[in-house]
Amino acid sequence: MTTNTYNIIVKKGDTFNGVSFTISPVIEITSAKMQIKKTSYATDTILELSSDDSTLEIGDSVITIPAQIFNITASNYVYDIQMTLSNGYVKSWISGQFIVKQTVTS
């Protein structure tokens, strides 16, 4: 299975409607985390979402970033979602740009 690129654009302080990713073939995902960083080589994580705290939701072959407000500095970032499967394998099949745009109204 190859990595799929999906770019996400949000407005700082606005509610992001959420997005779901379906992975084929059907796999059992036991946990997942998403890290947003300034670059793919950066060591500092700007924001982390996780199935452990329900900021990232998982089901059989489905990962959902639920509706939420992102209040991080407007900028271009990168992200990936790392999944742990029921067989113990760890895979990062979803990645892309995470773009936060500044709103005019504060």
PDB file of N, CA and C in Angstrom:
ATOM      1  N   MET A   1       0.841  -1.171   0.000  1.00  0.00           N
ATOM      2  CA  MET A   1       0.000   0.000   0.000  1.00  0.00           C
ATOM      3  C   MET A   1       0.889   1.237   0.000  1.00  0.00           C
ATOM      4  N   THR A   2       0.571   2.198  -0.830  1.00  0.00           N
ATOM      5  CA  THR A   2       1.383   3.407  -0.946  1.00  0.00           C
ATOM      6  C   THR A   2       0.827   4.523  -0.065  1.00  0.00           C
ATOM      7  N   THR A   3       1.659   5.519   0.176  1.00  0.00           N
ATOM      8  CA  THR A   3       1.224   6.686   0.930  1.00  0.00           C
ATOM      9  C   THR A   3       0.317   7.537   0.065  1.00  0.00           C
ATOM     10  N   ASN A   4      -0.805   7.966   0.628  1.00  0.00           N
ATOM     11  CA  ASN A   4      -1.745   8.837  -0.067  1.00  0.00           C
ATOM     12  C   ASN A   4      -1.554  10.254   0.425  1.00  0.00           C
ATOM     13  N   THR A   5      -1.532  11.201  -0.513  1.00  0.00           N
ATOM     14  CA  THR A   5      -1.363  12.603  -0.167  1.00  0.00           C
ATOM     15  C   THR A   5      -2.722  13.287  -0.167  1.00  0.00           C
ATOM     16  N   TYR A   6      -3.007  13.978   0.928  1.00  0.00           N
ATOM     17  CA  TYR A   6      -4.249  14.736   1.052  1.00  0.00           C
ATOM     18  C   TYR A   6      -3.917  16.043   1.759  1.00  0.00           C
ATOM     19  N   ASN A   7      -4.063  17.156   1.053  1.00  0.00           N
ATOM     20  CA  ASN A   7      -3.764  18.461   1.628  1.00  0.00           C
ATOM     21  C   ASN A   7      -4.988  19.008   2.361  1.00  0.00           C
ATOM     22  N   ILE A   8      -4.769  19.532   3.543  1.00  0.00           N
ATOM     23  CA  ILE A   8      -5.841  20.063   4.382  1.00  0.00           C
ATOM     24  C   ILE A   8      -5.635  21.563   4.541  1.00  0.00           C
ATOM     25  N   ILE A   9      -6.713  22.336   4.323  1.00  0.00           N
ATOM     26  CA  ILE A   9      -6.658  23.785   4.487  1.00  0.00           C
ATOM     27  C   ILE A   9      -7.710  24.184   5.518  1.00  0.00           C
ATOM     28  N   VAL A  10      -7.286  24.905   6.548  1.00  0.00           N
ATOM     29  CA  VAL A  10      -8.197  25.382   7.589  1.00  0.00           C
ATOM     30  C   VAL A  10      -7.974  26.876   7.789  1.00  0.00           C
ATOM     31  N   LYS A  11      -8.963  27.539   8.393  1.00  0.00           N
ATOM     32  CA  LYS A  11      -8.799  28.933   8.787  1.00  0.00           C
ATOM     33  C   LYS A  11      -8.620  28.975  10.296  1.00  0.00           C
ATOM     34  N   LYS A  12      -7.604  29.689  10.731  1.00  0.00           N
ATOM     35  CA  LYS A  12      -7.291  29.801  12.159  1.00  0.00           C
ATOM     36  C   LYS A  12      -8.522  30.311  12.912  1.00  0.00           C
ATOM     37  N   GLY A  13      -8.909  29.583  13.950  1.00  0.00           N
ATOM     38  CA  GLY A  13     -10.021  30.000  14.791  1.00  0.00           C
ATOM     39  C   GLY A  13     -11.397  29.609  14.292  1.00  0.00           C
ATOM     40  N   ASP A  14     -11.510  29.136  13.057  1.00  0.00           N
ATOM     41  CA  ASP A  14     -12.791  28.676  12.519  1.00  0.00           C
ATOM     42  C   ASP A  14     -12.944  27.180  12.761  1.00  0.00           C
ATOM     43  N   THR A  15     -14.178  26.709  12.791  1.00  0.00           N
ATOM     44  CA  THR A  15     -14.428  25.278  12.969  1.00  0.00           C
ATOM     45  C   THR A  15     -14.153  24.545  11.657  1.00  0.00           C
ATOM     46  N   PHE A  16     -13.227  23.616  11.715  1.00  0.00           N
ATOM     47  CA  PHE A  16     -12.929  22.718  10.594  1.00  0.00           C
ATOM     48  C   PHE A  16     -13.998  21.631  10.624  1.00  0.00           C
ATOM     49  N   ASN A  17     -14.631  21.354   9.477  1.00  0.00           N
ATOM     50  CA  ASN A  17     -15.750  20.411   9.426  1.00  0.00           C
ATOM     51  C   ASN A  17     -15.356  18.960   9.654  1.00  0.00           C
ATOM     52  N   GLY A  18     -14.074  18.667   9.561  1.00  0.00           N
ATOM     53  CA  GLY A  18     -13.613  17.293   9.723  1.00  0.00           C
ATOM     54  C   GLY A  18     -13.478  16.590   8.384  1.00  0.00           C
ATOM     55  N   VAL A  19     -12.794  15.450   8.395  1.00  0.00           N
ATOM     56  CA  VAL A  19     -12.595  14.661   7.184  1.00  0.00           C
ATOM     57  C   VAL A  19     -12.332  13.215   7.600  1.00  0.00           C
ATOM     58  N   SER A  20     -12.811  12.276   6.780  1.00  0.00           N
ATOM     59  CA  SER A  20     -12.570  10.856   7.030  1.00  0.00           C
ATOM     60  C   SER A  20     -11.779  10.258   5.883  1.00  0.00           C
ATOM     61  N   PHE A  21     -10.888   9.349   6.216  1.00  0.00           N
ATOM     62  CA  PHE A  21     -10.085   8.623   5.238  1.00  0.00           C
ATOM     63  C   PHE A  21     -10.450   7.146   5.341  1.00  0.00           C
ATOM     64  N   THR A  22     -10.748   6.522   4.209  1.00  0.00           N
ATOM     65  CA  THR A  22     -11.027   5.091   4.181  1.00  0.00           C
ATOM     66  C   THR A  22      -9.863   4.383   3.525  1.00  0.00           C
ATOM     67  N   ILE A  23      -9.373   3.357   4.176  1.00  0.00           N
ATOM     68  CA  ILE A  23      -8.210   2.623   3.696  1.00  0.00           C
ATOM     69  C   ILE A  23      -8.667   1.290   3.134  1.00  0.00           C
ATOM     70  N   SER A  24      -8.165   0.950   1.966  1.00  0.00           N
ATOM     71  CA  SER A  24      -8.525  -0.307   1.319  1.00  0.00           C
ATOM     72  C   SER A  24      -7.254  -1.087   1.028  1.00  0.00           C
ATOM     73  N   PRO A  25      -7.196  -2.373   1.260  1.00  0.00           N
ATOM     74  CA  PRO A  25      -8.257  -3.260   1.736  1.00  0.00           C
ATOM     75  C   PRO A  25      -8.560  -3.023   3.209  1.00  0.00           C
ATOM     76  N   VAL A  26      -9.637  -3.644   3.698  1.00  0.00           N
ATOM     77  CA  VAL A  26     -10.064  -3.468   5.082  1.00  0.00           C
ATOM     78  C   VAL A  26      -8.969  -3.936   6.038  1.00  0.00           C
ATOM     79  N   ILE A  27      -8.635  -3.067   6.991  1.00  0.00           N
ATOM     80  CA  ILE A  27      -7.639  -3.397   8.017  1.00  0.00           C
ATOM     81  C   ILE A  27      -8.198  -2.988   9.374  1.00  0.00           C
ATOM     82  N   GLU A  28      -7.718  -3.623  10.416  1.00  0.00           N
ATOM     83  CA  GLU A  28      -8.128  -3.260  11.767  1.00  0.00           C
ATOM     84  C   GLU A  28      -7.073  -2.335  12.361  1.00  0.00           C
ATOM     85  N   ILE A  29      -7.467  -1.090  12.599  1.00  0.00           N
ATOM     86  CA  ILE A  29      -6.577  -0.079  13.163  1.00  0.00           C
ATOM     87  C   ILE A  29      -6.802  -0.053  14.673  1.00  0.00           C
ATOM     88  N   THR A  30      -5.740  -0.232  15.448  1.00  0.00           N
ATOM     89  CA  THR A  30      -5.895  -0.238  16.902  1.00  0.00           C
ATOM     90  C   THR A  30      -5.584   1.117  17.538  1.00  0.00           C
ATOM     91  N   SER A  31      -4.765   1.926  16.882  1.00  0.00           N
ATOM     92  CA  SER A  31      -4.495   3.284  17.371  1.00  0.00           C
ATOM     93  C   SER A  31      -3.940   4.114  16.220  1.00  0.00           C
ATOM     94  N   ALA A  32      -3.996   5.426  16.397  1.00  0.00           N
ATOM     95  CA  ALA A  32      -3.474   6.322  15.356  1.00  0.00           C
ATOM     96  C   ALA A  32      -3.090   7.650  15.987  1.00  0.00           C
ATOM     97  N   LYS A  33      -2.102   8.307  15.363  1.00  0.00           N
ATOM     98  CA  LYS A  33      -1.759   9.661  15.775  1.00  0.00           C
ATOM     99  C   LYS A  33      -1.380  10.465  14.539  1.00  0.00           C
ATOM    100  N   MET A  34      -1.651  11.747  14.622  1.00  0.00           N
ATOM    101  CA  MET A  34      -1.342  12.677  13.538  1.00  0.00           C
ATOM    102  C   MET A  34      -0.455  13.760  14.133  1.00  0.00           C
ATOM    103  N   GLN A  35       0.666  14.025  13.472  1.00  0.00           N
ATOM    104  CA  GLN A  35       1.538  15.105  13.918  1.00  0.00           C
ATOM    105  C   GLN A  35       1.633  16.164  12.831  1.00  0.00           C
ATOM    106  N   ILE A  36       1.540  17.418  13.262  1.00  0.00           N
ATOM    107  CA  ILE A  36       1.691  18.567  12.370  1.00  0.00           C
ATOM    108  C   ILE A  36       3.011  19.228  12.730  1.00  0.00           C
ATOM    109  N   LYS A  37       3.870  19.405  11.718  1.00  0.00           N
ATOM    110  CA  LYS A  37       5.189  20.010  11.925  1.00  0.00           C
ATOM    111  C   LYS A  37       5.440  21.072  10.858  1.00  0.00           C
ATOM    112  N   LYS A  38       6.403  21.926  11.109  1.00  0.00           N
ATOM    113  CA  LYS A  38       6.745  22.981  10.142  1.00  0.00           C
ATOM    114  C   LYS A  38       7.319  22.381   8.860  1.00  0.00           C
ATOM    115  N   THR A  39       8.171  21.386   8.982  1.00  0.00           N
ATOM    116  CA  THR A  39       8.716  20.665   7.830  1.00  0.00           C
ATOM    117  C   THR A  39       8.784  19.183   8.185  1.00  0.00           C
ATOM    118  N   SER A  40       8.975  18.339   7.198  1.00  0.00           N
ATOM    119  CA  SER A  40       9.056  16.904   7.466  1.00  0.00           C
ATOM    120  C   SER A  40      10.314  16.536   8.253  1.00  0.00           C
ATOM    121  N   TYR A  41      11.297  17.426   8.263  1.00  0.00           N
ATOM    122  CA  TYR A  41      12.535  17.170   9.001  1.00  0.00           C
ATOM    123  C   TYR A  41      12.551  17.807  10.386  1.00  0.00           C
ATOM    124  N   ALA A  42      11.529  18.590  10.710  1.00  0.00           N
ATOM    125  CA  ALA A  42      11.481  19.290  11.999  1.00  0.00           C
ATOM    126  C   ALA A  42      11.341  18.297  13.143  1.00  0.00           C
ATOM    127  N   THR A  43      11.965  18.615  14.257  1.00  0.00           N
ATOM    128  CA  THR A  43      11.844  17.765  15.431  1.00  0.00           C
ATOM    129  C   THR A  43      10.721  18.240  16.353  1.00  0.00           C
ATOM    130  N   ASP A  44      10.367  19.512  16.255  1.00  0.00           N
ATOM    131  CA  ASP A  44       9.301  20.062  17.101  1.00  0.00           C
ATOM    132  C   ASP A  44       7.939  19.802  16.470  1.00  0.00           C
ATOM    133  N   THR A  45       7.037  19.263  17.248  1.00  0.00           N
ATOM    134  CA  THR A  45       5.667  19.029  16.799  1.00  0.00           C
ATOM    135  C   THR A  45       4.826  20.245  17.165  1.00  0.00           C
ATOM    136  N   ILE A  46       4.137  20.820  16.174  1.00  0.00           N
ATOM    137  CA  ILE A  46       3.265  21.976  16.397  1.00  0.00           C
ATOM    138  C   ILE A  46       1.980  21.534  17.093  1.00  0.00           C
ATOM    139  N   LEU A  47       1.426  20.407  16.635  1.00  0.00           N
ATOM    140  CA  LEU A  47       0.173  19.890  17.183  1.00  0.00           C
ATOM    141  C   LEU A  47       0.114  18.386  16.943  1.00  0.00           C
ATOM    142  N   GLU A  48      -0.421  17.656  17.920  1.00  0.00           N
ATOM    143  CA  GLU A  48      -0.608  16.219  17.752  1.00  0.00           C
ATOM    144  C   GLU A  48      -2.049  15.857  18.066  1.00  0.00           C
ATOM    145  N   LEU A  49      -2.661  15.093  17.178  1.00  0.00           N
ATOM    146  CA  LEU A  49      -3.985  14.530  17.397  1.00  0.00           C
ATOM    147  C   LEU A  49      -3.800  13.041  17.601  1.00  0.00           C
ATOM    148  N   SER A  50      -4.653  12.427  18.428  1.00  0.00           N
ATOM    149  CA  SER A  50      -4.449  11.028  18.748  1.00  0.00           C
ATOM    150  C   SER A  50      -5.776  10.324  19.021  1.00  0.00           C
ATOM    151  N   SER A  51      -5.819   9.044  18.677  1.00  0.00           N
ATOM    152  CA  SER A  51      -6.997   8.244  19.025  1.00  0.00           C
ATOM    153  C   SER A  51      -7.055   8.034  20.534  1.00  0.00           C
ATOM    154  N   ASP A  52      -5.936   8.189  21.229  1.00  0.00           N
ATOM    155  CA  ASP A  52      -5.912   8.022  22.684  1.00  0.00           C
ATOM    156  C   ASP A  52      -6.755   9.068  23.404  1.00  0.00           C
ATOM    157  N   ASP A  53      -6.840  10.287  22.841  1.00  0.00           N
ATOM    158  CA  ASP A  53      -7.622  11.347  23.490  1.00  0.00           C
ATOM    159  C   ASP A  53      -8.818  11.795  22.646  1.00  0.00           C
ATOM    160  N   SER A  54      -9.159  11.006  21.623  1.00  0.00           N
ATOM    161  CA  SER A  54     -10.331  11.227  20.754  1.00  0.00           C
ATOM    162  C   SER A  54     -10.246  12.479  19.885  1.00  0.00           C
ATOM    163  N   THR A  55      -9.052  13.092  19.763  1.00  0.00           N
ATOM    164  CA  THR A  55      -8.902  14.181  18.797  1.00  0.00           C
ATOM    165  C   THR A  55      -8.715  13.604  17.392  1.00  0.00           C
ATOM    166  N   LEU A  56      -8.558  12.292  17.312  1.00  0.00           N
ATOM    167  CA  LEU A  56      -8.506  11.528  16.067  1.00  0.00           C
ATOM    168  C   LEU A  56      -9.337  10.275  16.338  1.00  0.00           C
ATOM    169  N   GLU A  57     -10.261   9.941  15.420  1.00  0.00           N
ATOM    170  CA  GLU A  57     -11.145   8.798  15.640  1.00  0.00           C
ATOM    171  C   GLU A  57     -10.793   7.676  14.677  1.00  0.00           C
ATOM    172  N   ILE A  58     -10.891   6.427  15.153  1.00  0.00           N
ATOM    173  CA  ILE A  58     -10.555   5.284  14.313  1.00  0.00           C
ATOM    174  C   ILE A  58     -11.684   4.265  14.307  1.00  0.00           C
ATOM    175  N   GLY A  59     -11.741   3.499  13.203  1.00  0.00           N
ATOM    176  CA  GLY A  59     -12.646   2.373  13.046  1.00  0.00           C
ATOM    177  C   GLY A  59     -11.979   1.421  12.081  1.00  0.00           C
ATOM    178  N   ASP A  60     -12.640   0.321  11.744  1.00  0.00           N
ATOM    179  CA  ASP A  60     -12.048  -0.602  10.777  1.00  0.00           C
ATOM    180  C   ASP A  60     -11.843   0.114   9.447  1.00  0.00           C
ATOM    181  N   SER A  61     -10.610   0.309   9.067  1.00  0.00           N
ATOM    182  CA  SER A  61     -10.209   0.935   7.804  1.00  0.00           C
ATOM    183  C   SER A  61     -10.611   2.396   7.657  1.00  0.00           C
ATOM    184  N   VAL A  62     -11.023   3.050   8.748  1.00  0.00           N
ATOM    185  CA  VAL A  62     -11.426   4.456   8.666  1.00  0.00           C
ATOM    186  C   VAL A  62     -10.718   5.249   9.765  1.00  0.00           C
ATOM    187  N   ILE A  63     -10.175   6.389   9.360  1.00  0.00           N
ATOM    188  CA  ILE A  63      -9.606   7.351  10.310  1.00  0.00           C
ATOM    189  C   ILE A  63     -10.308   8.675  10.069  1.00  0.00           C
ATOM    190  N   THR A  64     -10.764   9.308  11.140  1.00  0.00           N
ATOM    191  CA  THR A  64     -11.496  10.569  11.021  1.00  0.00           C
ATOM    192  C   THR A  64     -10.826  11.648  11.860  1.00  0.00           C
ATOM    193  N   ILE A  65     -10.612  12.797  11.221  1.00  0.00           N
ATOM    194  CA  ILE A  65     -10.242  14.003  11.959  1.00  0.00           C
ATOM    195  C   ILE A  65     -11.575  14.691  12.220  1.00  0.00           C
ATOM    196  N   PRO A  66     -12.078  14.654  13.459  1.00  0.00           N
ATOM    197  CA  PRO A  66     -13.405  15.214  13.718  1.00  0.00           C
ATOM    198  C   PRO A  66     -13.416  16.742  13.650  1.00  0.00           C
ATOM    199  N   ALA A  67     -14.629  17.298  13.570  1.00  0.00           N
ATOM    200  CA  ALA A  67     -14.788  18.750  13.553  1.00  0.00           C
ATOM    201  C   ALA A  67     -14.122  19.335  14.800  1.00  0.00           C
ATOM    202  N   GLN A  68     -13.336  20.372  14.600  1.00  0.00           N
ATOM    203  CA  GLN A  68     -12.655  21.036  15.708  1.00  0.00           C
ATOM    204  C   GLN A  68     -12.077  22.358  15.240  1.00  0.00           C
ATOM    205  N   ILE A  69     -11.660  23.170  16.188  1.00  0.00           N
ATOM    206  CA  ILE A  69     -11.061  24.471  15.881  1.00  0.00           C
ATOM    207  C   ILE A  69      -9.548  24.354  16.031  1.00  0.00           C
ATOM    208  N   PHE A  70      -8.813  24.777  15.003  1.00  0.00           N
ATOM    209  CA  PHE A  70      -7.355  24.790  15.043  1.00  0.00           C
ATOM    210  C   PHE A  70      -6.892  26.215  15.310  1.00  0.00           C
ATOM    211  N   ASN A  71      -6.312  26.434  16.476  1.00  0.00           N
ATOM    212  CA  ASN A  71      -5.810  27.759  16.846  1.00  0.00           C
ATOM    213  C   ASN A  71      -4.293  27.749  16.888  1.00  0.00           C
ATOM    214  N   ILE A  72      -3.694  27.464  15.751  1.00  0.00           N
ATOM    215  CA  ILE A  72      -2.239  27.520  15.646  1.00  0.00           C
ATOM    216  C   ILE A  72      -1.883  28.626  14.663  1.00  0.00           C
ATOM    217  N   THR A  73      -0.669  29.094  14.729  1.00  0.00           N
ATOM    218  CA  THR A  73      -0.211  30.195  13.892  1.00  0.00           C
ATOM    219  C   THR A  73      -0.456  29.907  12.415  1.00  0.00           C
ATOM    220  N   ALA A  74      -1.011  30.893  11.716  1.00  0.00           N
ATOM    221  CA  ALA A  74      -1.248  30.745  10.276  1.00  0.00           C
ATOM    222  C   ALA A  74       0.088  30.525   9.568  1.00  0.00           C
ATOM    223  N   SER A  75       0.179  29.424   8.829  1.00  0.00           N
ATOM    224  CA  SER A  75       1.406  29.070   8.135  1.00  0.00           C
ATOM    225  C   SER A  75       1.165  27.802   7.326  1.00  0.00           C
ATOM    226  N   ASN A  76       2.163  27.389   6.572  1.00  0.00           N
ATOM    227  CA  ASN A  76       2.128  26.118   5.854  1.00  0.00           C
ATOM    228  C   ASN A  76       2.901  25.087   6.664  1.00  0.00           C
ATOM    229  N   TYR A  77       2.260  23.958   6.921  1.00  0.00           N
ATOM    230  CA  TYR A  77       2.851  22.878   7.695  1.00  0.00           C
ATOM    231  C   TYR A  77       2.772  21.576   6.887  1.00  0.00           C
ATOM    232  N   VAL A  78       3.316  20.522   7.423  1.00  0.00           N
ATOM    233  CA  VAL A  78       3.155  19.180   6.869  1.00  0.00           C
ATOM    234  C   VAL A  78       2.610  18.286   7.979  1.00  0.00           C
ATOM    235  N   TYR A  79       1.979  17.192   7.582  1.00  0.00           N
ATOM    236  CA  TYR A  79       1.455  16.253   8.566  1.00  0.00           C
ATOM    237  C   TYR A  79       1.525  14.841   7.999  1.00  0.00           C
ATOM    238  N   ASP A  80       1.434  13.880   8.892  1.00  0.00           N
ATOM    239  CA  ASP A  80       1.135  12.519   8.478  1.00  0.00           C
ATOM    240  C   ASP A  80       0.346  11.857   9.593  1.00  0.00           C
ATOM    241  N   ILE A  81      -0.331  10.784   9.238  1.00  0.00           N
ATOM    242  CA  ILE A  81      -1.100  10.015  10.207  1.00  0.00           C
ATOM    243  C   ILE A  81      -0.468   8.639  10.284  1.00  0.00           C
ATOM    244  N   GLN A  82      -0.004   8.292  11.472  1.00  0.00           N
ATOM    245  CA  GLN A  82       0.648   7.006  11.695  1.00  0.00           C
ATOM    246  C   GLN A  82      -0.340   6.081  12.407  1.00  0.00           C
ATOM    247  N   MET A  83      -0.560   4.907  11.812  1.00  0.00           N
ATOM    248  CA  MET A  83      -1.518   3.946  12.341  1.00  0.00           C
ATOM    249  C   MET A  83      -0.812   2.714  12.874  1.00  0.00           C
ATOM    250  N   THR A  84      -1.318   2.180  13.976  1.00  0.00           N
ATOM    251  CA  THR A  84      -0.866   0.886  14.466  1.00  0.00           C
ATOM    252  C   THR A  84      -1.976  -0.110  14.164  1.00  0.00           C
ATOM    253  N   LEU A  85      -1.615  -1.192  13.477  1.00  0.00           N
ATOM    254  CA  LEU A  85      -2.597  -2.193  13.066  1.00  0.00           C
ATOM    255  C   LEU A  85      -2.686  -3.302  14.105  1.00  0.00           C
ATOM    256  N   SER A  86      -3.732  -4.112  14.011  1.00  0.00           N
ATOM    257  CA  SER A  86      -3.953  -5.177  14.997  1.00  0.00           C
ATOM    258  C   SER A  86      -2.818  -6.196  15.025  1.00  0.00           C
ATOM    259  N   ASN A  87      -2.074  -6.314  13.916  1.00  0.00           N
ATOM    260  CA  ASN A  87      -0.946  -7.257  13.876  1.00  0.00           C
ATOM    261  C   ASN A  87       0.350  -6.631  14.399  1.00  0.00           C
ATOM    262  N   GLY A  88       0.276  -5.375  14.884  1.00  0.00           N
ATOM    263  CA  GLY A  88       1.438  -4.701  15.438  1.00  0.00           C
ATOM    264  C   GLY A  88       2.208  -3.848  14.450  1.00  0.00           C
ATOM    265  N   TYR A  89       1.889  -3.968  13.157  1.00  0.00           N
ATOM    266  CA  TYR A  89       2.577  -3.148  12.160  1.00  0.00           C
ATOM    267  C   TYR A  89       2.236  -1.676  12.374  1.00  0.00           C
ATOM    268  N   VAL A  90       3.205  -0.809  12.115  1.00  0.00           N
ATOM    269  CA  VAL A  90       3.012   0.642  12.186  1.00  0.00           C
ATOM    270  C   VAL A  90       3.192   1.184  10.780  1.00  0.00           C
ATOM    271  N   LYS A  91       2.181   1.902  10.281  1.00  0.00           N
ATOM    272  CA  LYS A  91       2.194   2.410   8.906  1.00  0.00           C
ATOM    273  C   LYS A  91       1.759   3.871   8.876  1.00  0.00           C
ATOM    274  N   SER A  92       2.374   4.655   7.987  1.00  0.00           N
ATOM    275  CA  SER A  92       1.982   6.051   7.746  1.00  0.00           C
ATOM    276  C   SER A  92       1.515   6.142   6.298  1.00  0.00           C
ATOM    277  N   TRP A  93       0.218   5.916   6.078  1.00  0.00           N
ATOM    278  CA  TRP A  93      -0.308   5.877   4.717  1.00  0.00           C
ATOM    279  C   TRP A  93      -0.932   7.192   4.257  1.00  0.00           C
ATOM    280  N   ILE A  94      -1.118   8.139   5.175  1.00  0.00           N
ATOM    281  CA  ILE A  94      -1.762   9.405   4.819  1.00  0.00           C
ATOM    282  C   ILE A  94      -0.838  10.544   5.231  1.00  0.00           C
ATOM    283  N   SER A  95      -0.590  11.466   4.308  1.00  0.00           N
ATOM    284  CA  SER A  95       0.258  12.621   4.614  1.00  0.00           C
ATOM    285  C   SER A  95      -0.082  13.745   3.653  1.00  0.00           C
ATOM    286  N   GLY A  96       0.470  14.920   3.918  1.00  0.00           N
ATOM    287  CA  GLY A  96       0.253  16.046   3.012  1.00  0.00           C
ATOM    288  C   GLY A  96       0.595  17.363   3.675  1.00  0.00           C
ATOM    289  N   GLN A  97       0.139  18.424   3.041  1.00  0.00           N
ATOM    290  CA  GLN A  97       0.316  19.762   3.598  1.00  0.00           C
ATOM    291  C   GLN A  97      -0.858  20.066   4.521  1.00  0.00           C
ATOM    292  N   PHE A  98      -0.576  20.783   5.584  1.00  0.00           N
ATOM    293  CA  PHE A  98      -1.609  21.266   6.497  1.00  0.00           C
ATOM    294  C   PHE A  98      -1.467  22.777   6.506  1.00  0.00           C
ATOM    295  N   ILE A  99      -2.377  23.454   5.839  1.00  0.00           N
ATOM    296  CA  ILE A  99      -2.271  24.901   5.633  1.00  0.00           C
ATOM    297  C   ILE A  99      -3.267  25.617   6.538  1.00  0.00           C
ATOM    298  N   VAL A 100      -2.758  26.507   7.369  1.00  0.00           N
ATOM    299  CA  VAL A 100      -3.600  27.308   8.249  1.00  0.00           C
ATOM    300  C   VAL A 100      -3.589  28.725   7.706  1.00  0.00           C
ATOM    301  N   LYS A 101      -4.777  29.197   7.312  1.00  0.00           N
ATOM    302  CA  LYS A 101      -4.900  30.559   6.784  1.00  0.00           C
ATOM    303  C   LYS A 101      -5.388  31.490   7.884  1.00  0.00           C
ATOM    304  N   GLN A 102      -4.902  32.724   7.834  1.00  0.00           N
ATOM    305  CA  GLN A 102      -5.308  33.733   8.805  1.00  0.00           C
ATOM    306  C   GLN A 102      -6.692  34.251   8.443  1.00  0.00           C
ATOM    307  N   THR A 103      -7.566  34.422   9.432  1.00  0.00           N
ATOM    308  CA  THR A 103      -8.868  35.045   9.190  1.00  0.00           C
ATOM    309  C   THR A 103      -8.720  36.555   9.367  1.00  0.00           C
ATOM    310  N   VAL A 104      -9.617  37.310   8.764  1.00  0.00           N
ATOM    311  CA  VAL A 104      -9.592  38.764   8.895  1.00  0.00           C
ATOM    312  C   VAL A 104     -10.225  39.170  10.217  1.00  0.00           C
ATOM    313  N   THR A 105     -11.329  38.523  10.556  1.00  0.00           N
ATOM    314  CA  THR A 105     -12.043  38.844  11.794  1.00  0.00           C
ATOM    315  C   THR A 105     -11.415  38.092  12.947  1.00  0.00           C
ATOM    316  N   SER A 106     -11.197  38.796  14.060  1.00  0.00           N
ATOM    317  CA  SER A 106     -10.629  38.112  15.233  1.00  0.00           C
ATOM    318  C   SER A 106     -11.594  38.143  16.393  1.00  0.00           C
TER     319      SER A 106
END
